[in-house]
Amino acid sequence: MSVAENHPEEYSVEIEGLTRIFGGTKAAIENLSLTVRKGEFFGFLGPNGAGKSTTIKILCGLLRPTMGRVRVLGLDVIAEPLLVKQRIGLLPEEVNTFERLTGRELLVFTGRMYGLSKLEATARAKELLEFMEIADVDRDKLIIDYSMGMKKKAVLAAALIHGPDVLFLDEPFNGIDAVTGRAIREVLGRAVADGVTVFFSSHVMEVVEKLCTRVAIIDQGRLRAMGDLDELRAATGKGPEATLEEIFVDLVGGDSERGDLSWIRG
């Protein structure tokens, strides 16, 4: 019996023996097991192609696993996908949404789809737009005219409007400026303070190190290490001053031999 089965009330995410095979032979994820505690800011790291986005899609019920068990908030994602989706929020890596709606309309529409009254959805939309620092003049613009940063803030607001218990974020800081990044960090900090579990994938190591209480590092679909920063340092034999970036590079083999590209100098 797993630790999660002994204490299911402690965990928002439980992954046991997760495997996803594409094309009959290629394993994007291979025998992945981990747990995320309720109210935790959990970092999920790996190089490009490591299986991070695939894992998040499975956790959100958007992709079926080949093998393994996945539970969110004690619910089996495969057996009860709608119940899971009612209680989670998602900011995907690729922002695809209803671009012919305005930012305000997107939030109200999303709130209504989650069962909020029109009055409540409108009030929450106003509060979220203000907190995300989306200016009054932009709230009634079509999303197709938004910058990438504005789109990410609008979609994150839509992911939060129903008050999710778990928030899945796939590369939320890609393609955004420092001001937008600050706004997103403040929103996430507020969410965790209110008891929301955040499952967070990013390549921005400094942000992960600052925000996350624990981190899992995967490579080629397999778990390489998991723990807080001190535990990761101990696992890799690094000293107390080692950064998360140094640990990450050590674990995923970033110091492999490569050419010197001397020809660039002409």
Protein backbone atom coordinates (compact mmCIF):
# COMPACT_ATOMS: atom_id res chain seq x y z
CA MET A 1 0.00 0.00 0.00
CA SER A 2 1.36 3.43 -0.96
CA VAL A 3 1.78 6.41 1.35
CA ALA A 4 -1.01 8.15 -0.56
CA GLU A 5 -3.38 5.28 0.15
CA ASN A 6 -2.55 5.48 3.85
CA HIS A 7 -3.27 9.23 4.01
CA PRO A 8 -5.36 10.20 0.94
CA GLU A 9 -6.66 13.36 2.60
CA GLU A 10 -3.14 14.84 2.55
CA TYR A 11 -2.71 14.81 -1.20
CA SER A 12 -4.09 16.80 -4.10
CA VAL A 13 -2.20 14.84 -6.75
CA GLU A 14 -1.27 11.14 -6.70
CA ILE A 15 0.58 9.54 -9.60
CA GLU A 16 1.51 5.86 -9.45
CA GLY A 17 3.31 3.97 -12.20
CA LEU A 18 2.21 6.42 -14.89
CA THR A 19 3.24 5.49 -18.42
CA ARG A 20 2.20 7.07 -21.71
CA ILE A 21 3.39 5.56 -24.99
CA PHE A 22 3.03 7.30 -28.33
CA GLY A 23 3.29 5.59 -31.70
CA GLY A 24 3.33 2.13 -30.18
CA THR A 25 6.94 2.30 -28.96
CA LYS A 26 7.98 5.73 -27.70
CA ALA A 27 7.37 6.28 -23.98
CA ALA A 28 6.83 9.98 -23.23
CA ILE A 29 6.37 9.07 -19.55
CA GLU A 30 7.69 5.87 -18.01
CA ASN A 31 6.64 4.47 -14.62
CA LEU A 32 6.31 7.91 -13.02
CA SER A 33 5.20 8.05 -9.38
CA LEU A 34 4.88 11.09 -7.13
CA THR A 35 2.52 12.84 -4.73
CA VAL A 36 1.72 16.51 -4.16
CA ARG A 37 0.38 17.66 -0.81
CA LYS A 38 -2.67 19.86 -0.47
CA GLY A 39 -1.84 23.55 -0.44
CA GLU A 40 1.64 22.95 -1.85
CA PHE A 41 3.42 25.01 -4.51
CA PHE A 42 4.97 22.12 -6.44
CA GLY A 43 7.53 22.56 -9.22
CA PHE A 44 7.63 20.04 -12.07
CA LEU A 45 10.83 20.41 -14.08
CA GLY A 46 12.55 18.77 -17.00
CA PRO A 47 14.28 19.55 -20.29
CA ASN A 48 12.32 19.97 -23.51
CA GLY A 49 10.59 16.72 -24.42
CA ALA A 50 10.89 15.26 -20.91
CA GLY A 51 7.14 14.58 -20.62
CA LYS A 52 6.01 17.53 -18.50
CA SER A 53 3.16 18.73 -20.72
CA THR A 54 2.02 15.15 -21.34
CA THR A 55 1.81 14.56 -17.59
CA ILE A 56 -0.19 17.74 -17.02
CA LYS A 57 -2.61 16.83 -19.82
CA ILE A 58 -3.19 13.43 -18.21
CA LEU A 59 -3.73 15.01 -14.78
CA CYS A 60 -6.33 17.35 -16.28
CA GLY A 61 -8.18 14.54 -18.09
CA LEU A 62 -7.16 15.75 -21.56
CA LEU A 63 -5.09 12.66 -22.40
CA ARG A 64 -5.44 9.04 -21.33
CA PRO A 65 -2.47 7.18 -19.85
CA THR A 66 -1.25 3.92 -21.32
CA MET A 67 -0.74 2.49 -17.84
CA GLY A 68 -0.80 3.65 -14.25
CA ARG A 69 -3.05 5.35 -11.76
CA VAL A 70 -3.73 9.08 -11.53
CA ARG A 71 -5.84 10.74 -8.85
CA VAL A 72 -6.58 14.42 -8.26
CA LEU A 73 -8.26 15.41 -4.98
CA GLY A 74 -8.88 11.73 -4.33
CA LEU A 75 -10.76 11.32 -7.62
CA ASP A 76 -9.71 8.91 -10.34
CA VAL A 77 -9.04 11.12 -13.37
CA ILE A 78 -9.96 8.38 -15.85
CA ALA A 79 -13.13 7.19 -14.10
CA GLU A 80 -14.40 10.63 -12.99
CA PRO A 81 -12.99 13.22 -15.43
CA LEU A 82 -15.88 15.70 -15.16
CA LEU A 83 -15.74 15.79 -11.36
CA VAL A 84 -12.00 16.45 -11.57
CA LYS A 85 -12.40 19.22 -14.17
CA GLN A 86 -14.97 20.97 -11.99
CA ARG A 87 -12.36 21.40 -9.26
CA ILE A 88 -9.21 22.29 -11.17
CA GLY A 89 -7.91 25.21 -13.21
CA LEU A 90 -5.47 25.01 -16.12
CA LEU A 91 -3.14 27.45 -17.82
CA PRO A 92 -1.70 25.46 -20.75
CA GLU A 93 1.60 26.17 -22.47
CA GLU A 94 -0.16 27.03 -25.71
CA VAL A 95 -2.85 29.63 -25.05
CA ASN A 96 -5.85 28.69 -27.18
CA THR A 97 -9.12 30.36 -26.24
CA PHE A 98 -12.14 32.17 -27.65
CA GLU A 99 -10.33 35.05 -29.30
CA ARG A 100 -13.51 36.72 -30.57
CA LEU A 101 -14.60 37.38 -26.99
CA THR A 102 -13.34 40.30 -24.96
CA GLY A 103 -11.34 39.66 -21.81
CA ARG A 104 -14.37 40.49 -19.68
CA GLU A 105 -16.66 38.26 -21.75
CA LEU A 106 -14.24 35.33 -21.51
CA LEU A 107 -14.22 35.45 -17.73
CA VAL A 108 -17.99 35.82 -17.38
CA PHE A 109 -18.58 33.01 -19.90
CA THR A 110 -16.13 30.72 -18.08
CA GLY A 111 -17.70 31.47 -14.72
CA ARG A 112 -21.15 30.69 -16.10
CA MET A 113 -19.88 27.36 -17.51
CA TYR A 114 -18.74 26.46 -13.99
CA GLY A 115 -22.20 27.17 -12.62
CA LEU A 116 -21.77 30.68 -11.24
CA SER A 117 -24.68 33.06 -11.49
CA LYS A 118 -24.27 35.91 -13.97
CA LEU A 119 -24.03 38.37 -11.08
CA GLU A 120 -21.31 36.37 -9.31
CA ALA A 121 -19.39 35.68 -12.53
CA THR A 122 -19.43 39.39 -13.41
CA ALA A 123 -18.26 40.43 -9.95
CA ARG A 124 -15.44 37.88 -9.91
CA ALA A 125 -14.40 38.84 -13.46
CA LYS A 126 -14.08 42.49 -12.41
CA GLU A 127 -12.01 41.58 -9.36
CA LEU A 128 -9.71 39.26 -11.30
CA LEU A 129 -9.16 41.73 -14.14
CA GLU A 130 -8.18 44.37 -11.61
CA PHE A 131 -5.86 42.03 -9.74
CA MET A 132 -4.23 40.92 -13.01
CA GLU A 133 -3.59 44.58 -13.82
CA ILE A 134 -5.49 44.43 -17.11
CA ALA A 135 -6.35 48.06 -17.79
CA ASP A 136 -9.94 49.26 -18.17
CA VAL A 137 -9.33 50.13 -21.81
CA ASP A 138 -8.22 46.54 -22.54
CA ARG A 139 -10.98 44.66 -20.74
CA ASP A 140 -13.44 45.15 -23.58
CA LYS A 141 -10.97 44.52 -26.39
CA LEU A 142 -11.13 41.25 -28.31
CA ILE A 143 -8.63 38.70 -27.03
CA ILE A 144 -7.27 38.30 -30.56
CA ASP A 145 -5.85 41.82 -30.13
CA TYR A 146 -4.16 41.02 -26.81
CA SER A 147 -0.40 40.60 -26.43
CA MET A 148 0.87 37.18 -25.32
CA GLY A 149 1.26 38.44 -21.75
CA MET A 150 -2.28 39.81 -21.66
CA LYS A 151 -3.65 36.56 -23.07
CA LYS A 152 -1.87 34.56 -20.37
CA LYS A 153 -3.23 36.81 -17.64
CA ALA A 154 -6.76 36.54 -19.06
CA VAL A 155 -6.59 32.74 -19.35
CA LEU A 156 -5.13 32.44 -15.84
CA ALA A 157 -7.99 34.59 -14.56
CA ALA A 158 -10.43 32.27 -16.34
CA ALA A 159 -8.72 29.29 -14.68
CA LEU A 160 -9.26 30.89 -11.27
CA ILE A 161 -12.77 32.30 -11.57
CA HIS A 162 -14.56 29.24 -10.17
CA GLY A 163 -12.25 28.93 -7.16
CA PRO A 164 -10.36 25.74 -8.07
CA ASP A 165 -8.74 23.50 -5.47
CA VAL A 166 -5.81 22.64 -7.77
CA LEU A 167 -4.21 24.86 -10.39
CA PHE A 168 -2.08 23.36 -13.17
CA LEU A 169 0.34 25.75 -14.89
CA ASP A 170 2.41 24.77 -17.93
CA GLU A 171 5.17 27.33 -18.64
CA PRO A 172 3.17 30.38 -17.47
CA PHE A 173 6.18 32.72 -17.78
CA ASN A 174 7.09 31.99 -21.40
CA GLY A 175 6.87 35.01 -23.68
CA ILE A 176 5.86 37.56 -21.04
CA ASP A 177 7.47 40.71 -19.69
CA ALA A 178 8.63 41.43 -16.15
CA VAL A 179 5.49 43.39 -15.22
CA THR A 180 3.19 40.57 -16.32
CA GLY A 181 5.41 38.05 -14.56
CA ARG A 182 5.12 39.99 -11.32
CA ALA A 183 1.33 40.07 -11.59
CA ILE A 184 1.18 36.32 -12.18
CA ARG A 185 3.49 35.61 -9.24
CA GLU A 186 1.32 37.73 -6.95
CA VAL A 187 -1.83 35.90 -8.06
CA LEU A 188 -0.21 32.52 -7.49
CA GLY A 189 1.07 33.55 -4.08
CA ARG A 190 -2.42 34.66 -3.10
CA ALA A 191 -3.90 31.37 -4.36
CA VAL A 192 -1.47 29.23 -2.34
CA ALA A 193 -2.06 31.37 0.75
CA ASP A 194 -5.76 30.58 0.34
CA GLY A 195 -5.07 26.83 0.26
CA VAL A 196 -4.94 26.18 -3.48
CA THR A 197 -2.48 23.53 -4.65
CA VAL A 198 -0.30 24.73 -7.54
CA PHE A 199 1.33 22.21 -9.89
CA PHE A 200 3.82 24.31 -11.79
CA SER A 201 6.02 23.54 -14.80
CA SER A 202 8.59 26.10 -15.91
CA HIS A 203 12.06 26.53 -17.40
CA VAL A 204 12.65 29.70 -15.37
CA MET A 205 14.70 28.19 -12.55
CA GLU A 206 14.96 31.38 -10.50
CA VAL A 207 11.17 31.66 -10.30
CA VAL A 208 10.76 27.98 -9.40
CA GLU A 209 13.42 28.25 -6.69
CA LYS A 210 11.71 31.32 -5.23
CA LEU A 211 8.11 30.06 -5.34
CA CYS A 212 8.10 26.28 -4.95
CA THR A 213 8.29 24.39 -1.68
CA ARG A 214 9.16 21.09 -3.40
CA VAL A 215 10.34 20.14 -6.87
CA ALA A 216 10.31 17.02 -9.04
CA ILE A 217 12.82 16.76 -11.89
CA ILE A 218 12.10 14.37 -14.75
CA ASP A 219 14.18 13.42 -17.79
CA GLN A 220 13.09 11.25 -20.71
CA GLY A 221 9.83 10.58 -18.89
CA ARG A 222 11.46 9.25 -15.73
CA LEU A 223 11.69 10.80 -12.28
CA ARG A 224 15.28 11.76 -11.48
CA ALA A 225 14.86 13.51 -8.12
CA MET A 226 12.20 15.02 -5.86
CA GLY A 227 12.26 17.10 -2.70
CA ASP A 228 12.92 20.57 -1.35
CA LEU A 229 16.08 22.41 -2.36
CA ASP A 230 18.17 21.04 0.53
CA GLU A 231 17.05 17.48 -0.27
CA LEU A 232 17.95 17.96 -3.94
CA ARG A 233 21.38 19.30 -2.96
CA ALA A 234 21.97 16.26 -0.78
CA ALA A 235 20.79 13.88 -3.52
CA THR A 236 23.26 15.35 -6.01
CA GLY A 237 26.14 15.89 -3.58
CA LYS A 238 25.99 19.65 -4.04
CA GLY A 239 27.00 22.16 -1.40
CA PRO A 240 24.60 24.44 0.51
CA GLU A 241 25.09 27.28 -1.97
CA ALA A 242 24.13 25.27 -5.06
CA THR A 243 21.28 26.77 -7.07
CA LEU A 244 18.36 24.86 -8.52
CA GLU A 245 19.76 25.51 -11.99
CA GLU A 246 23.06 23.84 -11.06
CA ILE A 247 21.22 20.85 -9.61
CA PHE A 248 18.98 20.60 -12.67
CA VAL A 249 21.90 20.68 -15.12
CA ASP A 250 23.73 18.05 -13.09
CA LEU A 251 20.75 15.71 -13.10
CA VAL A 252 19.76 15.97 -16.76
CA GLY A 253 23.29 15.83 -18.16
CA GLY A 254 23.66 19.37 -19.40
CA ASP A 255 27.46 19.23 -19.18
CA SER A 256 27.86 16.67 -21.98
CA GLU A 257 30.61 17.14 -24.58
CA ARG A 258 29.83 19.56 -27.39
CA GLY A 259 31.78 21.27 -30.15
CA ASP A 260 33.39 24.66 -29.57
CA LEU A 261 31.84 26.26 -32.70
CA SER A 262 35.16 27.94 -33.46
CA TRP A 263 33.97 28.50 -37.02
CA ILE A 264 31.59 31.23 -35.75
CA ARG A 265 34.60 33.52 -35.29
CA GLY A 266 35.41 33.13 -38.98
